[in-house]
Amino acid sequence: MTYRHLSINELIIIEAYYQIGKKVIDIAKALNRSRQTIYRVIAILKKGCSAYEYYEQYKKNKRYCGRGKTQLSKKD
């Protein structure tokens, strides 16, 4: 199974559906995502964060992923 991260569009849709009171299971079916994924996003939204802020934090954290740069030693 291939996994993919939530896009900014999906986050905005989740936020909009959450604000109008749509059920989590309906949001999950509409986006073809698991309910747990939707619950995680809603938990962040309940703390007062917007979908855009959530996505910006994701991008900031993503910068620190991966292998760090290495410094090669000089051979004399």
PDB file of N, CA and C in Angstrom:
ATOM      1  N   MET A   1       0.840  -1.181   0.000  1.00  0.00           N
ATOM      2  CA  MET A   1       0.000   0.000   0.000  1.00  0.00           C
ATOM      3  C   MET A   1       0.883   1.241   0.000  1.00  0.00           C
ATOM      4  N   THR A   2       0.523   2.198  -0.800  1.00  0.00           N
ATOM      5  CA  THR A   2       1.286   3.431  -0.887  1.00  0.00           C
ATOM      6  C   THR A   2       0.685   4.464   0.056  1.00  0.00           C
ATOM      7  N   TYR A   3       1.544   5.094   0.827  1.00  0.00           N
ATOM      8  CA  TYR A   3       1.094   6.124   1.747  1.00  0.00           C
ATOM      9  C   TYR A   3       1.465   7.483   1.193  1.00  0.00           C
ATOM     10  N   ARG A   4       0.637   8.472   1.463  1.00  0.00           N
ATOM     11  CA  ARG A   4       0.945   9.829   1.032  1.00  0.00           C
ATOM     12  C   ARG A   4       0.490  10.804   2.109  1.00  0.00           C
ATOM     13  N   HIS A   5       1.188  11.896   2.204  1.00  0.00           N
ATOM     14  CA  HIS A   5       0.879  12.897   3.214  1.00  0.00           C
ATOM     15  C   HIS A   5      -0.354  13.689   2.810  1.00  0.00           C
ATOM     16  N   LEU A   6      -0.978  14.298   3.804  1.00  0.00           N
ATOM     17  CA  LEU A   6      -2.130  15.149   3.524  1.00  0.00           C
ATOM     18  C   LEU A   6      -1.676  16.404   2.793  1.00  0.00           C
ATOM     19  N   SER A   7      -2.405  16.772   1.778  1.00  0.00           N
ATOM     20  CA  SER A   7      -2.089  18.004   1.056  1.00  0.00           C
ATOM     21  C   SER A   7      -2.769  19.175   1.761  1.00  0.00           C
ATOM     22  N   ILE A   8      -2.375  20.381   1.404  1.00  0.00           N
ATOM     23  CA  ILE A   8      -2.991  21.570   1.990  1.00  0.00           C
ATOM     24  C   ILE A   8      -4.471  21.618   1.627  1.00  0.00           C
ATOM     25  N   ASN A   9      -4.830  21.166   0.431  1.00  0.00           N
ATOM     26  CA  ASN A   9      -6.240  21.142   0.022  1.00  0.00           C
ATOM     27  C   ASN A   9      -7.057  20.204   0.902  1.00  0.00           C
ATOM     28  N   GLU A  10      -6.512  19.035   1.196  1.00  0.00           N
ATOM     29  CA  GLU A  10      -7.215  18.085   2.057  1.00  0.00           C
ATOM     30  C   GLU A  10      -7.363  18.637   3.467  1.00  0.00           C
ATOM     31  N   LEU A  11      -6.333  19.305   3.960  1.00  0.00           N
ATOM     32  CA  LEU A  11      -6.413  19.891   5.296  1.00  0.00           C
ATOM     33  C   LEU A  11      -7.490  20.970   5.361  1.00  0.00           C
ATOM     34  N   ILE A  12      -7.591  21.775   4.324  1.00  0.00           N
ATOM     35  CA  ILE A  12      -8.612  22.827   4.289  1.00  0.00           C
ATOM     36  C   ILE A  12     -10.007  22.216   4.219  1.00  0.00           C
ATOM     37  N   ILE A  13     -10.159  21.140   3.461  1.00  0.00           N
ATOM     38  CA  ILE A  13     -11.451  20.454   3.383  1.00  0.00           C
ATOM     39  C   ILE A  13     -11.826  19.880   4.744  1.00  0.00           C
ATOM     40  N   ILE A  14     -10.868  19.259   5.423  1.00  0.00           N
ATOM     41  CA  ILE A  14     -11.127  18.711   6.761  1.00  0.00           C
ATOM     42  C   ILE A  14     -11.553  19.830   7.702  1.00  0.00           C
ATOM     43  N   GLU A  15     -10.847  20.953   7.651  1.00  0.00           N
ATOM     44  CA  GLU A  15     -11.179  22.086   8.517  1.00  0.00           C
ATOM     45  C   GLU A  15     -12.590  22.606   8.226  1.00  0.00           C
ATOM     46  N   ALA A  16     -12.938  22.732   6.959  1.00  0.00           N
ATOM     47  CA  ALA A  16     -14.265  23.232   6.582  1.00  0.00           C
ATOM     48  C   ALA A  16     -15.365  22.274   7.036  1.00  0.00           C
ATOM     49  N   TYR A  17     -15.179  20.984   6.792  1.00  0.00           N
ATOM     50  CA  TYR A  17     -16.165  19.997   7.222  1.00  0.00           C
ATOM     51  C   TYR A  17     -16.293  19.971   8.741  1.00  0.00           C
ATOM     52  N   TYR A  18     -15.185  20.091   9.436  1.00  0.00           N
ATOM     53  CA  TYR A  18     -15.201  20.101  10.902  1.00  0.00           C
ATOM     54  C   TYR A  18     -15.987  21.306  11.423  1.00  0.00           C
ATOM     55  N   GLN A  19     -15.787  22.461  10.804  1.00  0.00           N
ATOM     56  CA  GLN A  19     -16.464  23.679  11.257  1.00  0.00           C
ATOM     57  C   GLN A  19     -17.973  23.630  11.029  1.00  0.00           C
ATOM     58  N   ILE A  20     -18.419  22.913  10.001  1.00  0.00           N
ATOM     59  CA  ILE A  20     -19.867  22.818   9.784  1.00  0.00           C
ATOM     60  C   ILE A  20     -20.483  21.633  10.531  1.00  0.00           C
ATOM     61  N   GLY A  21     -19.649  20.877  11.237  1.00  0.00           N
ATOM     62  CA  GLY A  21     -20.157  19.804  12.088  1.00  0.00           C
ATOM     63  C   GLY A  21     -20.351  18.465  11.403  1.00  0.00           C
ATOM     64  N   LYS A  22     -19.668  18.240  10.320  1.00  0.00           N
ATOM     65  CA  LYS A  22     -19.775  16.962   9.613  1.00  0.00           C
ATOM     66  C   LYS A  22     -19.100  15.862  10.437  1.00  0.00           C
ATOM     67  N   LYS A  23     -19.648  14.659  10.397  1.00  0.00           N
ATOM     68  CA  LYS A  23     -19.095  13.539  11.155  1.00  0.00           C
ATOM     69  C   LYS A  23     -17.746  13.113  10.583  1.00  0.00           C
ATOM     70  N   VAL A  24     -16.893  12.615  11.468  1.00  0.00           N
ATOM     71  CA  VAL A  24     -15.547  12.194  11.080  1.00  0.00           C
ATOM     72  C   VAL A  24     -15.602  11.081  10.041  1.00  0.00           C
ATOM     73  N   ILE A  25     -16.494  10.149  10.208  1.00  0.00           N
ATOM     74  CA  ILE A  25     -16.570   9.036   9.255  1.00  0.00           C
ATOM     75  C   ILE A  25     -16.956   9.526   7.862  1.00  0.00           C
ATOM     76  N   ASP A  26     -17.808  10.554   7.793  1.00  0.00           N
ATOM     77  CA  ASP A  26     -18.191  11.110   6.491  1.00  0.00           C
ATOM     78  C   ASP A  26     -17.021  11.846   5.837  1.00  0.00           C
ATOM     79  N   ILE A  27     -16.246  12.562   6.652  1.00  0.00           N
ATOM     80  CA  ILE A  27     -15.061  13.257   6.136  1.00  0.00           C
ATOM     81  C   ILE A  27     -14.061  12.231   5.610  1.00  0.00           C
ATOM     82  N   ALA A  28     -13.853  11.168   6.379  1.00  0.00           N
ATOM     83  CA  ALA A  28     -12.895  10.127   5.995  1.00  0.00           C
ATOM     84  C   ALA A  28     -13.297   9.468   4.674  1.00  0.00           C
ATOM     85  N   LYS A  29     -14.571   9.184   4.516  1.00  0.00           N
ATOM     86  CA  LYS A  29     -15.040   8.566   3.272  1.00  0.00           C
ATOM     87  C   LYS A  29     -14.911   9.527   2.095  1.00  0.00           C
ATOM     88  N   ALA A  30     -15.200  10.803   2.325  1.00  0.00           N
ATOM     89  CA  ALA A  30     -15.122  11.790   1.241  1.00  0.00           C
ATOM     90  C   ALA A  30     -13.690  11.949   0.731  1.00  0.00           C
ATOM     91  N   LEU A  31     -12.718  11.852   1.642  1.00  0.00           N
ATOM     92  CA  LEU A  31     -11.315  12.039   1.267  1.00  0.00           C
ATOM     93  C   LEU A  31     -10.572  10.725   1.045  1.00  0.00           C
ATOM     94  N   ASN A  32     -11.265   9.607   1.289  1.00  0.00           N
ATOM     95  CA  ASN A  32     -10.649   8.283   1.171  1.00  0.00           C
ATOM     96  C   ASN A  32      -9.424   8.173   2.083  1.00  0.00           C
ATOM     97  N   ARG A  33      -9.603   8.579   3.323  1.00  0.00           N
ATOM     98  CA  ARG A  33      -8.562   8.530   4.355  1.00  0.00           C
ATOM     99  C   ARG A  33      -9.109   7.778   5.563  1.00  0.00           C
ATOM    100  N   SER A  34      -8.222   7.362   6.455  1.00  0.00           N
ATOM    101  CA  SER A  34      -8.678   6.659   7.649  1.00  0.00           C
ATOM    102  C   SER A  34      -9.266   7.654   8.653  1.00  0.00           C
ATOM    103  N   ARG A  35     -10.137   7.148   9.500  1.00  0.00           N
ATOM    104  CA  ARG A  35     -10.738   8.006  10.531  1.00  0.00           C
ATOM    105  C   ARG A  35      -9.681   8.530  11.484  1.00  0.00           C
ATOM    106  N   GLN A  36      -8.679   7.718  11.788  1.00  0.00           N
ATOM    107  CA  GLN A  36      -7.629   8.141  12.718  1.00  0.00           C
ATOM    108  C   GLN A  36      -6.868   9.344  12.181  1.00  0.00           C
ATOM    109  N   THR A  37      -6.636   9.375  10.890  1.00  0.00           N
ATOM    110  CA  THR A  37      -5.963  10.519  10.271  1.00  0.00           C
ATOM    111  C   THR A  37      -6.790  11.786  10.473  1.00  0.00           C
ATOM    112  N   ILE A  38      -8.087  11.675  10.259  1.00  0.00           N
ATOM    113  CA  ILE A  38      -8.987  12.825  10.421  1.00  0.00           C
ATOM    114  C   ILE A  38      -9.024  13.253  11.882  1.00  0.00           C
ATOM    115  N   TYR A  39      -9.089  12.287  12.805  1.00  0.00           N
ATOM    116  CA  TYR A  39      -9.100  12.612  14.238  1.00  0.00           C
ATOM    117  C   TYR A  39      -7.835  13.359  14.650  1.00  0.00           C
ATOM    118  N   ARG A  40      -6.683  12.959  14.112  1.00  0.00           N
ATOM    119  CA  ARG A  40      -5.427  13.643  14.443  1.00  0.00           C
ATOM    120  C   ARG A  40      -5.460  15.103  14.006  1.00  0.00           C
ATOM    121  N   VAL A  41      -5.958  15.351  12.807  1.00  0.00           N
ATOM    122  CA  VAL A  41      -6.038  16.725  12.304  1.00  0.00           C
ATOM    123  C   VAL A  41      -7.031  17.528  13.141  1.00  0.00           C
ATOM    124  N   ILE A  42      -8.164  16.938  13.470  1.00  0.00           N
ATOM    125  CA  ILE A  42      -9.176  17.641  14.265  1.00  0.00           C
ATOM    126  C   ILE A  42      -8.647  17.964  15.657  1.00  0.00           C
ATOM    127  N   ALA A  43      -7.843  17.083  16.231  1.00  0.00           N
ATOM    128  CA  ALA A  43      -7.252  17.358  17.547  1.00  0.00           C
ATOM    129  C   ALA A  43      -6.390  18.611  17.495  1.00  0.00           C
ATOM    130  N   ILE A  44      -5.654  18.798  16.414  1.00  0.00           N
ATOM    131  CA  ILE A  44      -4.833  20.000  16.244  1.00  0.00           C
ATOM    132  C   ILE A  44      -5.729  21.218  16.042  1.00  0.00           C
ATOM    133  N   LEU A  45      -6.797  21.056  15.260  1.00  0.00           N
ATOM    134  CA  LEU A  45      -7.717  22.166  15.019  1.00  0.00           C
ATOM    135  C   LEU A  45      -8.403  22.612  16.309  1.00  0.00           C
ATOM    136  N   LYS A  46      -8.703  21.661  17.183  1.00  0.00           N
ATOM    137  CA  LYS A  46      -9.344  21.996  18.463  1.00  0.00           C
ATOM    138  C   LYS A  46      -8.431  22.820  19.362  1.00  0.00           C
ATOM    139  N   LYS A  47      -7.131  22.698  19.163  1.00  0.00           N
ATOM    140  CA  LYS A  47      -6.175  23.474  19.959  1.00  0.00           C
ATOM    141  C   LYS A  47      -6.050  24.905  19.461  1.00  0.00           C
ATOM    142  N   GLY A  48      -6.781  25.246  18.385  1.00  0.00           N
ATOM    143  CA  GLY A  48      -6.773  26.607  17.881  1.00  0.00           C
ATOM    144  C   GLY A  48      -5.882  26.836  16.682  1.00  0.00           C
ATOM    145  N   CYS A  49      -5.317  25.791  16.156  1.00  0.00           N
ATOM    146  CA  CYS A  49      -4.440  25.897  14.989  1.00  0.00           C
ATOM    147  C   CYS A  49      -5.292  25.801  13.719  1.00  0.00           C
ATOM    148  N   SER A  50      -4.922  26.516  12.678  1.00  0.00           N
ATOM    149  CA  SER A  50      -5.652  26.429  11.411  1.00  0.00           C
ATOM    150  C   SER A  50      -4.997  25.378  10.514  1.00  0.00           C
ATOM    151  N   ALA A  51      -5.681  25.043   9.439  1.00  0.00           N
ATOM    152  CA  ALA A  51      -5.138  24.068   8.491  1.00  0.00           C
ATOM    153  C   ALA A  51      -3.843  24.584   7.878  1.00  0.00           C
ATOM    154  N   TYR A  52      -3.811  25.871   7.586  1.00  0.00           N
ATOM    155  CA  TYR A  52      -2.610  26.460   6.994  1.00  0.00           C
ATOM    156  C   TYR A  52      -1.444  26.398   7.976  1.00  0.00           C
ATOM    157  N   GLU A  53      -1.672  26.713   9.259  1.00  0.00           N
ATOM    158  CA  GLU A  53      -0.613  26.650  10.278  1.00  0.00           C
ATOM    159  C   GLU A  53      -0.120  25.215  10.456  1.00  0.00           C
ATOM    160  N   TYR A  54      -1.041  24.266  10.422  1.00  0.00           N
ATOM    161  CA  TYR A  54      -0.698  22.847  10.521  1.00  0.00           C
ATOM    162  C   TYR A  54       0.238  22.448   9.377  1.00  0.00           C
ATOM    163  N   TYR A  55      -0.087  22.887   8.165  1.00  0.00           N
ATOM    164  CA  TYR A  55       0.714  22.544   6.996  1.00  0.00           C
ATOM    165  C   TYR A  55       2.082  23.215   7.041  1.00  0.00           C
ATOM    166  N   GLU A  56       2.138  24.458   7.498  1.00  0.00           N
ATOM    167  CA  GLU A  56       3.416  25.158   7.616  1.00  0.00           C
ATOM    168  C   GLU A  56       4.326  24.465   8.632  1.00  0.00           C
ATOM    169  N   GLN A  57       3.756  23.989   9.735  1.00  0.00           N
ATOM    170  CA  GLN A  57       4.535  23.261  10.737  1.00  0.00           C
ATOM    171  C   GLN A  57       5.048  21.947  10.154  1.00  0.00           C
ATOM    172  N   TYR A  58       4.215  21.278   9.363  1.00  0.00           N
ATOM    173  CA  TYR A  58       4.628  20.042   8.697  1.00  0.00           C
ATOM    174  C   TYR A  58       5.828  20.299   7.786  1.00  0.00           C
ATOM    175  N   LYS A  59       5.758  21.370   6.986  1.00  0.00           N
ATOM    176  CA  LYS A  59       6.865  21.692   6.087  1.00  0.00           C
ATOM    177  C   LYS A  59       8.127  22.041   6.866  1.00  0.00           C
ATOM    178  N   LYS A  60       7.974  22.743   7.978  1.00  0.00           N
ATOM    179  CA  LYS A  60       9.123  23.110   8.809  1.00  0.00           C
ATOM    180  C   LYS A  60       9.785  21.853   9.376  1.00  0.00           C
ATOM    181  N   ASN A  61       8.986  20.933   9.878  1.00  0.00           N
ATOM    182  CA  ASN A  61       9.512  19.683  10.432  1.00  0.00           C
ATOM    183  C   ASN A  61      10.149  18.820   9.345  1.00  0.00           C
ATOM    184  N   LYS A  62       9.612  18.863   8.151  1.00  0.00           N
ATOM    185  CA  LYS A  62      10.112  18.050   7.043  1.00  0.00           C
ATOM    186  C   LYS A  62      11.530  18.455   6.638  1.00  0.00           C
ATOM    187  N   ARG A  63      11.877  19.725   6.879  1.00  0.00           N
ATOM    188  CA  ARG A  63      13.224  20.195   6.539  1.00  0.00           C
ATOM    189  C   ARG A  63      14.304  19.454   7.317  1.00  0.00           C
ATOM    190  N   TYR A  64      13.965  18.966   8.493  1.00  0.00           N
ATOM    191  CA  TYR A  64      14.950  18.313   9.350  1.00  0.00           C
ATOM    192  C   TYR A  64      15.009  16.805   9.132  1.00  0.00           C
ATOM    193  N   CYS A  65      14.248  16.282   8.212  1.00  0.00           N
ATOM    194  CA  CYS A  65      14.266  14.847   7.918  1.00  0.00           C
ATOM    195  C   CYS A  65      15.444  14.502   7.017  1.00  0.00           C
ATOM    196  N   GLY A  66      15.848  13.274   7.088  1.00  0.00           N
ATOM    197  CA  GLY A  66      16.898  12.801   6.186  1.00  0.00           C
ATOM    198  C   GLY A  66      18.273  12.844   6.814  1.00  0.00           C
ATOM    199  N   ARG A  67      19.217  12.427   6.040  1.00  0.00           N
ATOM    200  CA  ARG A  67      20.590  12.346   6.510  1.00  0.00           C
ATOM    201  C   ARG A  67      21.226  13.725   6.537  1.00  0.00           C
ATOM    202  N   GLY A  68      22.017  13.962   7.555  1.00  0.00           N
ATOM    203  CA  GLY A  68      22.731  15.227   7.663  1.00  0.00           C
ATOM    204  C   GLY A  68      23.936  15.266   6.741  1.00  0.00           C
ATOM    205  N   LYS A  69      24.445  16.446   6.517  1.00  0.00           N
ATOM    206  CA  LYS A  69      25.614  16.598   5.655  1.00  0.00           C
ATOM    207  C   LYS A  69      26.853  16.098   6.380  1.00  0.00           C
ATOM    208  N   THR A  70      27.779  15.529   5.612  1.00  0.00           N
ATOM    209  CA  THR A  70      29.025  15.038   6.192  1.00  0.00           C
ATOM    210  C   THR A  70      30.183  15.877   5.681  1.00  0.00           C
ATOM    211  N   GLN A  71      31.160  16.020   6.514  1.00  0.00           N
ATOM    212  CA  GLN A  71      32.357  16.775   6.161  1.00  0.00           C
ATOM    213  C   GLN A  71      33.471  15.778   5.882  1.00  0.00           C
ATOM    214  N   LEU A  72      33.998  15.801   4.685  1.00  0.00           N
ATOM    215  CA  LEU A  72      35.085  14.897   4.331  1.00  0.00           C
ATOM    216  C   LEU A  72      36.396  15.461   4.850  1.00  0.00           C
ATOM    217  N   SER A  73      37.237  14.572   5.355  1.00  0.00           N
ATOM    218  CA  SER A  73      38.538  15.018   5.854  1.00  0.00           C
ATOM    219  C   SER A  73      39.516  15.151   4.692  1.00  0.00           C
ATOM    220  N   LYS A  74      40.468  16.057   4.844  1.00  0.00           N
ATOM    221  CA  LYS A  74      41.492  16.255   3.811  1.00  0.00           C
ATOM    222  C   LYS A  74      42.596  15.223   4.002  1.00  0.00           C
ATOM    223  N   LYS A  75      42.981  14.572   2.921  1.00  0.00           N
ATOM    224  CA  LYS A  75      44.073  13.604   2.990  1.00  0.00           C
ATOM    225  C   LYS A  75      45.329  14.272   2.463  1.00  0.00           C
ATOM    226  N   ASP A  76      46.370  14.270   3.260  1.00  0.00           N
ATOM    227  CA  ASP A  76      47.640  14.901   2.866  1.00  0.00           C
ATOM    228  C   ASP A  76      48.640  13.897   2.383  1.00  0.00           C
TER     229      ASP A  76
END
